[in-house]
C-alpha atoms as a PDB file:
ATOM      1  CA  MET A   1     -49.242-190.880 -87.291  1.00  0.00           C
ATOM      2  CA  SER A   2     -45.958-192.722 -87.794  1.00  0.00           C
ATOM      3  CA  HIS A   3     -45.021-196.080 -86.324  1.00  0.00           C
ATOM      4  CA  GLU A   4     -42.616-194.322 -83.963  1.00  0.00           C
ATOM      5  CA  ASP A   5     -45.389-192.044 -82.661  1.00  0.00           C
ATOM      6  CA  VAL A   6     -47.804-194.930 -82.160  1.00  0.00           C
ATOM      7  CA  LEU A   7     -45.133-196.959 -80.390  1.00  0.00           C
ATOM      8  CA  ALA A   8     -44.218-194.049 -78.108  1.00  0.00           C
ATOM      9  CA  SER A   9     -47.908-193.507 -77.319  1.00  0.00           C
ATOM     10  CA  LEU A  10     -48.415-197.171 -76.468  1.00  0.00           C
ATOM     11  CA  MET A  11     -45.327-197.217 -74.264  1.00  0.00           C
ATOM     12  CA  ALA A  12     -46.615-194.163 -72.377  1.00  0.00           C
ATOM     13  CA  GLN A  13     -50.026-195.818 -71.999  1.00  0.00           C
ATOM     14  CA  ALA A  14     -48.412-198.984 -70.656  1.00  0.00           C
ATOM     15  CA  ARG A  15     -46.367-196.958 -68.169  1.00  0.00           C
ATOM     16  CA  GLU A  16     -49.405-194.974 -66.961  1.00  0.00           C
ATOM     17  CA  GLU A  17     -52.058-197.685 -66.836  1.00  0.00           C
ATOM     18  CA  GLY A  18     -49.963-200.732 -66.253  1.00  0.00           C
ATOM     19  CA  ALA A  19     -49.234-203.124 -69.036  1.00  0.00           C
ATOM     20  CA  ALA A  20     -52.462-204.872 -70.000  1.00  0.00           C
ATOM     21  CA  LEU A  21     -52.176-207.814 -72.372  1.00  0.00           C
ATOM     22  CA  LEU A  22     -53.858-205.866 -75.161  1.00  0.00           C
ATOM     23  CA  THR A  23     -51.447-202.972 -74.719  1.00  0.00           C
ATOM     24  CA  LEU A  24     -48.447-205.290 -74.752  1.00  0.00           C
ATOM     25  CA  ARG A  25     -49.664-206.956 -77.937  1.00  0.00           C
ATOM     26  CA  ALA A  26     -50.143-203.567 -79.565  1.00  0.00           C
ATOM     27  CA  ILE A  27     -46.614-202.551 -78.498  1.00  0.00           C
ATOM     28  CA  VAL A  28     -45.147-205.710 -79.997  1.00  0.00           C
ATOM     29  CA  GLU A  29     -47.112-205.219 -83.220  1.00  0.00           C
ATOM     30  CA  GLU A  30     -46.034-201.591 -83.613  1.00  0.00           C
ATOM     31  CA  ALA A  31     -42.428-202.426 -82.741  1.00  0.00           C
ATOM     32  CA  SER A  32     -42.469-205.159 -85.369  1.00  0.00           C
ATOM     33  CA  ALA A  33     -43.929-202.829 -87.989  1.00  0.00           C
ATOM     34  CA  LEU A  34     -41.328-200.178 -87.149  1.00  0.00           C
ATOM     35  CA  ALA A  35     -38.488-202.713 -87.338  1.00  0.00           C
ATOM     36  CA  THR A  36     -39.769-204.002 -90.665  1.00  0.00           C
ATOM     37  CA  HIS A  37     -40.010-200.494 -92.076  1.00  0.00           C
ATOM     38  CA  ARG A  38     -36.482-199.627 -90.912  1.00  0.00           C
ATOM     39  CA  THR A  39     -35.074-202.861 -92.317  1.00  0.00           C
ATOM     40  CA  LEU A  40     -36.675-202.281 -95.707  1.00  0.00           C
ATOM     41  CA  GLU A  41     -35.325-198.722 -95.740  1.00  0.00           C
ATOM     42  CA  ARG A  42     -31.801-199.939 -94.926  1.00  0.00           C
ATOM     43  CA  LEU A  43     -32.008-202.492 -97.725  1.00  0.00           C
ATOM     44  CA  GLY A  44     -33.166-199.823-100.145  1.00  0.00           C
ATOM     45  CA  LEU A  45     -36.582-201.416-100.511  1.00  0.00           C
ATOM     46  CA  GLY A  46     -38.661-198.783 -98.760  1.00  0.00           C
ATOM     47  CA  ASP A  47     -39.783-196.927-101.874  1.00  0.00           C
ATOM     48  CA  PRO A  48     -43.100-197.575-103.658  1.00  0.00           C
ATOM     49  CA  GLY A  49     -41.386-199.196-106.676  1.00  0.00           C
ATOM     50  CA  ALA A  50     -39.589-201.797-104.573  1.00  0.00           C
ATOM     51  CA  GLU A  51     -42.300-204.411-105.053  1.00  0.00           C
ATOM     52  CA  ASP A  52     -41.927-204.167-108.832  1.00  0.00           C
ATOM     53  CA  ASP A  53     -38.138-204.344-108.472  1.00  0.00           C
ATOM     54  CA  LEU A  54     -38.386-207.526-106.424  1.00  0.00           C
ATOM     55  CA  GLU A  55     -40.790-209.058-108.935  1.00  0.00           C
ATOM     56  CA  GLU A  56     -38.357-208.273-111.763  1.00  0.00           C
ATOM     57  CA  LEU A  57     -35.487-209.770-109.782  1.00  0.00           C
ATOM     58  CA  ARG A  58     -37.495-212.944-109.194  1.00  0.00           C
ATOM     59  CA  GLU A  59     -38.255-213.198-112.905  1.00  0.00           C
ATOM     60  CA  LEU A  60     -34.585-212.631-113.744  1.00  0.00           C
ATOM     61  CA  LEU A  61     -33.520-215.281-111.252  1.00  0.00           C
ATOM     62  CA  GLN A  62     -36.042-217.765-112.680  1.00  0.00           C
ATOM     63  CA  ALA A  63     -34.793-217.032-116.204  1.00  0.00           C
ATOM     64  CA  TRP A  64     -31.211-217.652-115.031  1.00  0.00           C
ATOM     65  CA  ARG A  65     -32.229-220.967-113.455  1.00  0.00           C
ATOM     66  CA  ASP A  66     -34.062-222.016-116.621  1.00  0.00           C
ATOM     67  CA  ALA A  67     -31.057-221.087-118.794  1.00  0.00           C
ATOM     68  CA  LYS A  68     -28.685-222.955-116.503  1.00  0.00           C
ATOM     69  CA  ALA A  69     -30.862-226.079-116.561  1.00  0.00           C
ATOM     70  CA  SER A  70     -31.150-225.869-120.337  1.00  0.00           C
ATOM     71  CA  ALA A  71     -27.379-225.505-120.707  1.00  0.00           C
ATOM     72  CA  TRP A  72     -26.724-228.562-118.518  1.00  0.00           C
ATOM     73  CA  LYS A  73     -29.265-230.559-120.504  1.00  0.00           C
ATOM     74  CA  ALA A  74     -27.573-229.572-123.775  1.00  0.00           C
ATOM     75  CA  ILE A  75     -24.133-230.477-122.415  1.00  0.00           C
ATOM     76  CA  VAL A  76     -25.333-233.905-121.297  1.00  0.00           C
ATOM     77  CA  GLU A  77     -26.979-234.505-124.678  1.00  0.00           C
ATOM     78  CA  TRP A  78     -23.755-233.605-126.528  1.00  0.00           C
ATOM     79  CA  ILE A  79     -21.692-235.872-124.282  1.00  0.00           C
ATOM     80  CA  ILE A  80     -24.083-238.766-124.913  1.00  0.00           C
ATOM     81  CA  ARG A  81     -23.991-238.125-128.669  1.00  0.00           C
ATOM     82  CA  GLY A  82     -20.191-238.045-128.599  1.00  0.00           C
ATOM     83  CA  LEU A  83     -20.014-241.299-126.676  1.00  0.00           C
ATOM     84  CA  LEU A  84     -22.453-242.962-129.081  1.00  0.00           C
ATOM     85  CA  ALA A  85     -20.427-241.706-132.063  1.00  0.00           C
ATOM     86  CA  LEU A  86     -17.241-243.126-130.495  1.00  0.00           C
ATOM     87  CA  LEU A  87     -19.053-246.415-129.901  1.00  0.00           C
ATOM     88  CA  LEU A  88     -20.145-246.580-133.547  1.00  0.00           C
ATOM     89  CA  ILE A  89     -16.631-245.764-134.757  1.00  0.00           C
ATOM     90  CA  GLY A  90     -15.218-248.434-132.464  1.00  0.00           C
ATOM     91  CA  MET A  91     -17.713-250.986-133.768  1.00  0.00           C
ATOM     92  CA  ALA A  92     -16.887-250.053-137.373  1.00  0.00           C
ATOM     93  CA  VAL A  93     -13.170-250.507-136.752  1.00  0.00           C
ATOM     94  CA  ARG A  94     -13.709-253.757-134.882  1.00  0.00           C
ATOM     95  CA  LEU A  95     -15.927-255.226-137.579  1.00  0.00           C
ATOM     96  CA  GLY A  96     -13.596-254.164-140.364  1.00  0.00           C
ATOM     97  CA  PHE A  97     -15.834-251.582-142.021  1.00  0.00           C
ATOM     98  CA  TRP A  98     -13.089-249.003-141.693  1.00  0.00           C
ATOM     99  CA  ASP A  99     -10.823-250.913-144.078  1.00  0.00           C
ATOM    100  CA  ARG A 100     -13.512-250.972-146.782  1.00  0.00           C
ATOM    101  CA  LEU A 101     -13.708-247.190-146.866  1.00  0.00           C
END
């Protein structure tokens, strides 16, 4: 029995018997399940392999974040090395070591 059938059955039961709290909760639960199913279908995630696809996308996103963090770290390290090299060159010129070469 599909979510639509269950929901239609619960709505008919609520109309016939009056809406008991249990019936209303069941209606809300089935409506939520139906809405979730429809949303996943519209997003293209309703097939059985969608869970694996999402896991792969998460792994790919984490790899991208790791690569980006590593690249920024490398850039900062190179900038620091460049600044230290400039500082050493400046000290060598200031102290006259450059003339001895």
